[in-house]
Amino acid sequence: DVTGRVRRQRQIESVHDATEELTTADAPEAA
């Protein structure tokens, strides 16, 4: 259960990082 929560938390953090990176894209192809 702890391992599953840690994995989900890391995934959420990764999604957040990816979202932030996408907001910096300056062209459709880059996004």
PDB file of all heavy atoms in Angstrom:
ATOM      1  N   ASP A   1       0.825  -1.199   0.000  1.00  0.00           N
ATOM      2  CA  ASP A   1       0.000   0.000   0.000  1.00  0.00           C
ATOM      3  C   ASP A   1       0.861   1.251   0.000  1.00  0.00           C
ATOM      4  O   ASP A   1       0.600   2.206  -0.733  1.00  0.00           O
ATOM      5  CB  ASP A   1      -0.915  -0.003   1.229  1.00  0.00           C
ATOM      6  CG  ASP A   1      -1.895   1.158   1.201  1.00  0.00           C
ATOM      7  OD1 ASP A   1      -2.578   1.317   0.193  1.00  0.00           O
ATOM      8  OD2 ASP A   1      -1.944   1.907   2.196  1.00  0.00           O
ATOM      9  N   VAL A   2       1.916   1.246   0.830  1.00  0.00           N
ATOM     10  CA  VAL A   2       2.832   2.386   0.893  1.00  0.00           C
ATOM     11  C   VAL A   2       3.545   2.568  -0.442  1.00  0.00           C
ATOM     12  O   VAL A   2       3.669   3.683  -0.966  1.00  0.00           O
ATOM     13  CB  VAL A   2       3.863   2.200   2.031  1.00  0.00           C
ATOM     14  CG1 VAL A   2       4.943   3.286   1.927  1.00  0.00           C
ATOM     15  CG2 VAL A   2       3.180   2.259   3.379  1.00  0.00           C
ATOM     16  N   THR A   3       3.995   1.461  -1.021  1.00  0.00           N
ATOM     17  CA  THR A   3       4.680   1.514  -2.311  1.00  0.00           C
ATOM     18  C   THR A   3       3.763   2.079  -3.387  1.00  0.00           C
ATOM     19  O   THR A   3       4.180   2.885  -4.224  1.00  0.00           O
ATOM     20  CB  THR A   3       5.151   0.111  -2.733  1.00  0.00           C
ATOM     21  OG1 THR A   3       6.032  -0.401  -1.732  1.00  0.00           O
ATOM     22  CG2 THR A   3       5.878   0.165  -4.058  1.00  0.00           C
ATOM     23  N   GLY A   4       2.488   1.668  -3.354  1.00  0.00           N
ATOM     24  CA  GLY A   4       1.533   2.166  -4.332  1.00  0.00           C
ATOM     25  C   GLY A   4       1.299   3.658  -4.177  1.00  0.00           C
ATOM     26  O   GLY A   4       1.233   4.387  -5.174  1.00  0.00           O
ATOM     27  N   ARG A   5       1.236   4.139  -2.916  1.00  0.00           N
ATOM     28  CA  ARG A   5       1.023   5.573  -2.689  1.00  0.00           C
ATOM     29  C   ARG A   5       2.233   6.379  -3.149  1.00  0.00           C
ATOM     30  O   ARG A   5       2.092   7.452  -3.731  1.00  0.00           O
ATOM     31  CB  ARG A   5       0.758   5.836  -1.201  1.00  0.00           C
ATOM     32  CG  ARG A   5      -0.628   5.415  -0.737  1.00  0.00           C
ATOM     33  CD  ARG A   5      -1.036   6.175   0.515  1.00  0.00           C
ATOM     34  NE  ARG A   5      -0.094   5.975   1.599  1.00  0.00           N
ATOM     35  CZ  ARG A   5      -0.177   4.996   2.497  1.00  0.00           C
ATOM     36  NH1 ARG A   5      -1.173   4.116   2.430  1.00  0.00           N
ATOM     37  NH2 ARG A   5       0.698   4.883   3.474  1.00  0.00           N
ATOM     38  N   VAL A   6       3.410   5.856  -2.883  1.00  0.00           N
ATOM     39  CA  VAL A   6       4.644   6.537  -3.303  1.00  0.00           C
ATOM     40  C   VAL A   6       4.693   6.619  -4.830  1.00  0.00           C
ATOM     41  O   VAL A   6       5.041   7.661  -5.405  1.00  0.00           O
ATOM     42  CB  VAL A   6       5.893   5.805  -2.767  1.00  0.00           C
ATOM     43  CG1 VAL A   6       7.150   6.374  -3.417  1.00  0.00           C
ATOM     44  CG2 VAL A   6       5.976   5.934  -1.257  1.00  0.00           C
ATOM     45  N   ARG A   7       4.330   5.509  -5.486  1.00  0.00           N
ATOM     46  CA  ARG A   7       4.340   5.488  -6.946  1.00  0.00           C
ATOM     47  C   ARG A   7       3.357   6.499  -7.511  1.00  0.00           C
ATOM     48  O   ARG A   7       3.672   7.232  -8.453  1.00  0.00           O
ATOM     49  CB  ARG A   7       3.991   4.083  -7.453  1.00  0.00           C
ATOM     50  CG  ARG A   7       4.137   3.937  -8.974  1.00  0.00           C
ATOM     51  CD  ARG A   7       3.715   2.562  -9.459  1.00  0.00           C
ATOM     52  NE  ARG A   7       4.531   1.514  -8.850  1.00  0.00           N
ATOM     53  CZ  ARG A   7       4.066   0.622  -7.974  1.00  0.00           C
ATOM     54  NH1 ARG A   7       2.792   0.651  -7.611  1.00  0.00           N
ATOM     55  NH2 ARG A   7       4.856  -0.295  -7.473  1.00  0.00           N
ATOM     56  N   ARG A   8       2.145   6.578  -6.937  1.00  0.00           N
ATOM     57  CA  ARG A   8       1.147   7.531  -7.404  1.00  0.00           C
ATOM     58  C   ARG A   8       1.604   8.970  -7.175  1.00  0.00           C
ATOM     59  O   ARG A   8       1.397   9.839  -8.020  1.00  0.00           O
ATOM     60  CB  ARG A   8      -0.196   7.282  -6.700  1.00  0.00           C
ATOM     61  CG  ARG A   8      -0.948   6.064  -7.225  1.00  0.00           C
ATOM     62  CD  ARG A   8      -2.389   6.059  -6.742  1.00  0.00           C
ATOM     63  NE  ARG A   8      -2.463   5.923  -5.283  1.00  0.00           N
ATOM     64  CZ  ARG A   8      -2.458   4.762  -4.636  1.00  0.00           C
ATOM     65  NH1 ARG A   8      -2.359   3.630  -5.316  1.00  0.00           N
ATOM     66  NH2 ARG A   8      -2.542   4.716  -3.324  1.00  0.00           N
ATOM     67  N   GLN A   9       2.241   9.201  -5.998  1.00  0.00           N
ATOM     68  CA  GLN A   9       2.725  10.544  -5.700  1.00  0.00           C
ATOM     69  C   GLN A   9       3.793  10.974  -6.694  1.00  0.00           C
ATOM     70  O   GLN A   9       3.797  12.116  -7.179  1.00  0.00           O
ATOM     71  CB  GLN A   9       3.283  10.600  -4.268  1.00  0.00           C
ATOM     72  CG  GLN A   9       3.796  11.981  -3.853  1.00  0.00           C
ATOM     73  CD  GLN A   9       2.726  13.050  -3.891  1.00  0.00           C
ATOM     74  OE1 GLN A   9       1.556  12.780  -3.598  1.00  0.00           O
ATOM     75  NE2 GLN A   9       3.106  14.254  -4.288  1.00  0.00           N
ATOM     76  N   ARG A  10       4.689  10.061  -7.013  1.00  0.00           N
ATOM     77  CA  ARG A  10       5.734  10.377  -7.998  1.00  0.00           C
ATOM     78  C   ARG A  10       5.133  10.631  -9.368  1.00  0.00           C
ATOM     79  O   ARG A  10       5.607  11.501 -10.114  1.00  0.00           O
ATOM     80  CB  ARG A  10       6.733   9.218  -8.053  1.00  0.00           C
ATOM     81  CG  ARG A  10       7.644   9.133  -6.829  1.00  0.00           C
ATOM     82  CD  ARG A  10       8.572   7.949  -6.915  1.00  0.00           C
ATOM     83  NE  ARG A  10       9.486   7.904  -5.771  1.00  0.00           N
ATOM     84  CZ  ARG A  10      10.298   6.887  -5.515  1.00  0.00           C
ATOM     85  NH1 ARG A  10      10.314   5.824  -6.329  1.00  0.00           N
ATOM     86  NH2 ARG A  10      11.098   6.920  -4.465  1.00  0.00           N
ATOM     87  N   GLN A  11       4.100   9.873  -9.700  1.00  0.00           N
ATOM     88  CA  GLN A  11       3.453  10.068 -11.003  1.00  0.00           C
ATOM     89  C   GLN A  11       2.785  11.439 -11.063  1.00  0.00           C
ATOM     90  O   GLN A  11       2.876  12.150 -12.071  1.00  0.00           O
ATOM     91  CB  GLN A  11       2.424   8.972 -11.253  1.00  0.00           C
ATOM     92  CG  GLN A  11       1.893   8.937 -12.677  1.00  0.00           C
ATOM     93  CD  GLN A  11       0.979   7.756 -12.912  1.00  0.00           C
ATOM     94  OE1 GLN A  11      -0.044   7.612 -12.231  1.00  0.00           O
ATOM     95  NE2 GLN A  11       1.334   6.911 -13.865  1.00  0.00           N
ATOM     96  N   ILE A  12       2.130  11.818  -9.957  1.00  0.00           N
ATOM     97  CA  ILE A  12       1.488  13.139  -9.895  1.00  0.00           C
ATOM     98  C   ILE A  12       2.522  14.240 -10.056  1.00  0.00           C
ATOM     99  O   ILE A  12       2.314  15.217 -10.776  1.00  0.00           O
ATOM    100  CB  ILE A  12       0.720  13.304  -8.564  1.00  0.00           C
ATOM    101  CG1 ILE A  12      -0.504  12.378  -8.540  1.00  0.00           C
ATOM    102  CG2 ILE A  12       0.286  14.759  -8.365  1.00  0.00           C
ATOM    103  CD1 ILE A  12      -1.193  12.308  -7.199  1.00  0.00           C
ATOM    104  N   GLU A  13       3.655  14.082  -9.391  1.00  0.00           N
ATOM    105  CA  GLU A  13       4.724  15.081  -9.499  1.00  0.00           C
ATOM    106  C   GLU A  13       5.265  15.146 -10.925  1.00  0.00           C
ATOM    107  O   GLU A  13       5.559  16.229 -11.444  1.00  0.00           O
ATOM    108  CB  GLU A  13       5.845  14.744  -8.524  1.00  0.00           C
ATOM    109  CG  GLU A  13       5.459  14.933  -7.058  1.00  0.00           C
ATOM    110  CD  GLU A  13       6.531  14.447  -6.105  1.00  0.00           C
ATOM    111  OE1 GLU A  13       7.547  13.870  -6.602  1.00  0.00           O
ATOM    112  OE2 GLU A  13       6.382  14.605  -4.885  1.00  0.00           O
ATOM    113  N   SER A  14       5.378  13.982 -11.554  1.00  0.00           N
ATOM    114  CA  SER A  14       5.862  13.946 -12.936  1.00  0.00           C
ATOM    115  C   SER A  14       4.884  14.613 -13.884  1.00  0.00           C
ATOM    116  O   SER A  14       5.280  15.317 -14.816  1.00  0.00           O
ATOM    117  CB  SER A  14       6.102  12.492 -13.377  1.00  0.00           C
ATOM    118  OG  SER A  14       7.106  11.881 -12.591  1.00  0.00           O
ATOM    119  N   VAL A  15       3.585  14.396 -13.648  1.00  0.00           N
ATOM    120  CA  VAL A  15       2.556  15.046 -14.464  1.00  0.00           C
ATOM    121  C   VAL A  15       2.648  16.554 -14.298  1.00  0.00           C
ATOM    122  O   VAL A  15       2.561  17.315 -15.275  1.00  0.00           O
ATOM    123  CB  VAL A  15       1.149  14.555 -14.068  1.00  0.00           C
ATOM    124  CG1 VAL A  15       0.069  15.417 -14.725  1.00  0.00           C
ATOM    125  CG2 VAL A  15       0.962  13.104 -14.461  1.00  0.00           C
ATOM    126  N   HIS A  16       2.858  17.005 -13.062  1.00  0.00           N
ATOM    127  CA  HIS A  16       2.980  18.441 -12.792  1.00  0.00           C
ATOM    128  C   HIS A  16       4.174  19.029 -13.532  1.00  0.00           C
ATOM    129  O   HIS A  16       4.079  20.099 -14.153  1.00  0.00           O
ATOM    130  CB  HIS A  16       3.118  18.669 -11.285  1.00  0.00           C
ATOM    131  CG  HIS A  16       3.202  20.115 -10.906  1.00  0.00           C
ATOM    132  ND1 HIS A  16       4.412  20.765 -10.732  1.00  0.00           N
ATOM    133  CD2 HIS A  16       2.242  21.041 -10.701  1.00  0.00           C
ATOM    134  CE1 HIS A  16       4.187  22.026 -10.424  1.00  0.00           C
ATOM    135  NE2 HIS A  16       2.881  22.228 -10.386  1.00  0.00           N
ATOM    136  N   ASP A  17       5.298  18.321 -13.480  1.00  0.00           N
ATOM    137  CA  ASP A  17       6.507  18.793 -14.169  1.00  0.00           C
ATOM    138  C   ASP A  17       6.281  18.846 -15.678  1.00  0.00           C
ATOM    139  O   ASP A  17       6.696  19.814 -16.350  1.00  0.00           O
ATOM    140  CB  ASP A  17       7.687  17.871 -13.857  1.00  0.00           C
ATOM    141  CG  ASP A  17       8.134  17.976 -12.406  1.00  0.00           C
ATOM    142  OD1 ASP A  17       7.773  18.972 -11.740  1.00  0.00           O
ATOM    143  OD2 ASP A  17       8.829  17.057 -11.936  1.00  0.00           O
ATOM    144  N   ALA A  18       5.632  17.801 -16.216  1.00  0.00           N
ATOM    145  CA  ALA A  18       5.374  17.764 -17.657  1.00  0.00           C
ATOM    146  C   ALA A  18       4.436  18.889 -18.077  1.00  0.00           C
ATOM    147  O   ALA A  18       4.618  19.505 -19.130  1.00  0.00           O
ATOM    148  CB  ALA A  18       4.778  16.409 -18.048  1.00  0.00           C
ATOM    149  N   THR A  19       3.448  19.170 -17.231  1.00  0.00           N
ATOM    150  CA  THR A  19       2.499  20.248 -17.525  1.00  0.00           C
ATOM    151  C   THR A  19       3.210  21.595 -17.553  1.00  0.00           C
ATOM    152  O   THR A  19       2.975  22.424 -18.441  1.00  0.00           O
ATOM    153  CB  THR A  19       1.375  20.280 -16.471  1.00  0.00           C
ATOM    154  OG1 THR A  19       0.688  19.015 -16.476  1.00  0.00           O
ATOM    155  CG2 THR A  19       0.386  21.394 -16.764  1.00  0.00           C
ATOM    156  N   GLU A  20       4.083  21.818 -16.577  1.00  0.00           N
ATOM    157  CA  GLU A  20       4.849  23.072 -16.538  1.00  0.00           C
ATOM    158  C   GLU A  20       5.715  23.224 -17.782  1.00  0.00           C
ATOM    159  O   GLU A  20       5.829  24.310 -18.345  1.00  0.00           O
ATOM    160  CB  GLU A  20       5.728  23.114 -15.279  1.00  0.00           C
ATOM    161  CG  GLU A  20       4.985  23.493 -14.015  1.00  0.00           C
ATOM    162  CD  GLU A  20       5.938  23.880 -12.903  1.00  0.00           C
ATOM    163  OE1 GLU A  20       7.120  23.482 -12.960  1.00  0.00           O
ATOM    164  OE2 GLU A  20       5.496  24.576 -11.975  1.00  0.00           O
ATOM    165  N   GLU A  21       6.319  22.113 -18.206  1.00  0.00           N
ATOM    166  CA  GLU A  21       7.186  22.160 -19.384  1.00  0.00           C
ATOM    167  C   GLU A  21       6.366  22.472 -20.641  1.00  0.00           C
ATOM    168  O   GLU A  21       6.793  23.235 -21.509  1.00  0.00           O
ATOM    169  CB  GLU A  21       7.918  20.830 -19.546  1.00  0.00           C
ATOM    170  CG  GLU A  21       9.081  20.902 -20.518  1.00  0.00           C
ATOM    171  CD  GLU A  21       9.931  19.645 -20.514  1.00  0.00           C
ATOM    172  OE1 GLU A  21       9.529  18.650 -19.878  1.00  0.00           O
ATOM    173  OE2 GLU A  21      10.991  19.657 -21.158  1.00  0.00           O
ATOM    174  N   LEU A  22       5.171  21.882 -20.711  1.00  0.00           N
ATOM    175  CA  LEU A  22       4.318  22.117 -21.877  1.00  0.00           C
ATOM    176  C   LEU A  22       3.867  23.576 -21.973  1.00  0.00           C
ATOM    177  O   LEU A  22       3.685  24.102 -23.071  1.00  0.00           O
ATOM    178  CB  LEU A  22       3.085  21.211 -21.812  1.00  0.00           C
ATOM    179  CG  LEU A  22       3.203  19.858 -22.519  1.00  0.00           C
ATOM    180  CD1 LEU A  22       2.050  18.950 -22.128  1.00  0.00           C
ATOM    181  CD2 LEU A  22       3.228  20.040 -24.023  1.00  0.00           C
ATOM    182  N   THR A  23       3.708  24.224 -20.829  1.00  0.00           N
ATOM    183  CA  THR A  23       3.263  25.617 -20.858  1.00  0.00           C
ATOM    184  C   THR A  23       4.339  26.549 -21.401  1.00  0.00           C
ATOM    185  O   THR A  23       4.048  27.708 -21.715  1.00  0.00           O
ATOM    186  CB  THR A  23       2.865  26.104 -19.446  1.00  0.00           C
ATOM    187  OG1 THR A  23       3.993  26.007 -18.563  1.00  0.00           O
ATOM    188  CG2 THR A  23       1.717  25.280 -18.891  1.00  0.00           C
ATOM    189  N   THR A  24       5.572  26.061 -21.531  1.00  0.00           N
ATOM    190  CA  THR A  24       6.651  26.902 -22.059  1.00  0.00           C
ATOM    191  C   THR A  24       6.835  26.715 -23.566  1.00  0.00           C
ATOM    192  O   THR A  24       7.637  27.430 -24.179  1.00  0.00           O
ATOM    193  CB  THR A  24       7.982  26.585 -21.355  1.00  0.00           C
ATOM    194  OG1 THR A  24       8.394  25.238 -21.673  1.00  0.00           O
ATOM    195  CG2 THR A  24       7.842  26.706 -19.844  1.00  0.00           C
ATOM    196  N   ALA A  25       6.123  25.759 -24.157  1.00  0.00           N
ATOM    197  CA  ALA A  25       6.276  25.499 -25.595  1.00  0.00           C
ATOM    198  C   ALA A  25       5.875  26.728 -26.395  1.00  0.00           C
ATOM    199  O   ALA A  25       4.853  27.351 -26.126  1.00  0.00           O
ATOM    200  CB  ALA A  25       5.430  24.300 -26.013  1.00  0.00           C
ATOM    201  N   ASP A  26       6.705  27.084 -27.377  1.00  0.00           N
ATOM    202  CA  ASP A  26       6.429  28.285 -28.169  1.00  0.00           C
ATOM    203  C   ASP A  26       5.960  27.969 -29.583  1.00  0.00           C
ATOM    204  O   ASP A  26       5.790  28.866 -30.401  1.00  0.00           O
ATOM    205  CB  ASP A  26       7.673  29.178 -28.226  1.00  0.00           C
ATOM    206  CG  ASP A  26       8.880  28.460 -28.803  1.00  0.00           C
ATOM    207  OD1 ASP A  26       8.754  27.271 -29.161  1.00  0.00           O
ATOM    208  OD2 ASP A  26       9.961  29.081 -28.893  1.00  0.00           O
ATOM    209  N   ALA A  27       5.745  26.686 -29.873  1.00  0.00           N
ATOM    210  CA  ALA A  27       5.257  26.283 -31.197  1.00  0.00           C
ATOM    211  C   ALA A  27       4.459  24.991 -31.053  1.00  0.00           C
ATOM    212  O   ALA A  27       4.730  24.185 -30.152  1.00  0.00           O
ATOM    213  CB  ALA A  27       6.424  26.070 -32.163  1.00  0.00           C
ATOM    214  N   PRO A  28       3.460  24.767 -31.916  1.00  0.00           N
ATOM    215  CA  PRO A  28       2.657  23.553 -31.826  1.00  0.00           C
ATOM    216  C   PRO A  28       3.498  22.275 -31.907  1.00  0.00           C
ATOM    217  O   PRO A  28       3.252  21.317 -31.163  1.00  0.00           O
ATOM    218  CB  PRO A  28       1.718  23.666 -33.033  1.00  0.00           C
ATOM    219  CG  PRO A  28       1.624  25.125 -33.297  1.00  0.00           C
ATOM    220  CD  PRO A  28       2.984  25.672 -32.980  1.00  0.00           C
ATOM    221  N   GLU A  29       4.485  22.279 -32.788  1.00  0.00           N
ATOM    222  CA  GLU A  29       5.326  21.086 -32.950  1.00  0.00           C
ATOM    223  C   GLU A  29       6.103  20.774 -31.668  1.00  0.00           C
ATOM    224  O   GLU A  29       6.243  19.611 -31.277  1.00  0.00           O
ATOM    225  CB  GLU A  29       6.293  21.287 -34.113  1.00  0.00           C
ATOM    226  CG  GLU A  29       5.635  21.411 -35.470  1.00  0.00           C
ATOM    227  CD  GLU A  29       5.014  22.770 -35.730  1.00  0.00           C
ATOM    228  OE1 GLU A  29       5.292  23.709 -34.939  1.00  0.00           O
ATOM    229  OE2 GLU A  29       4.252  22.901 -36.697  1.00  0.00           O
ATOM    230  N   ALA A  30       6.594  21.812 -31.015  1.00  0.00           N
ATOM    231  CA  ALA A  30       7.336  21.628 -29.766  1.00  0.00           C
ATOM    232  C   ALA A  30       6.418  21.076 -28.680  1.00  0.00           C
ATOM    233  O   ALA A  30       6.818  20.181 -27.913  1.00  0.00           O
ATOM    234  CB  ALA A  30       7.952  22.957 -29.321  1.00  0.00           C
ATOM    235  N   ALA A  31       5.200  21.582 -28.606  1.00  0.00           N
ATOM    236  CA  ALA A  31       4.239  21.091 -27.618  1.00  0.00           C
ATOM    237  C   ALA A  31       3.918  19.620 -27.850  1.00  0.00           C
ATOM    238  O   ALA A  31       3.833  18.829 -26.905  1.00  0.00           O
ATOM    239  CB  ALA A  31       2.959  21.923 -27.676  1.00  0.00           C
TER     240      ALA A  31
END
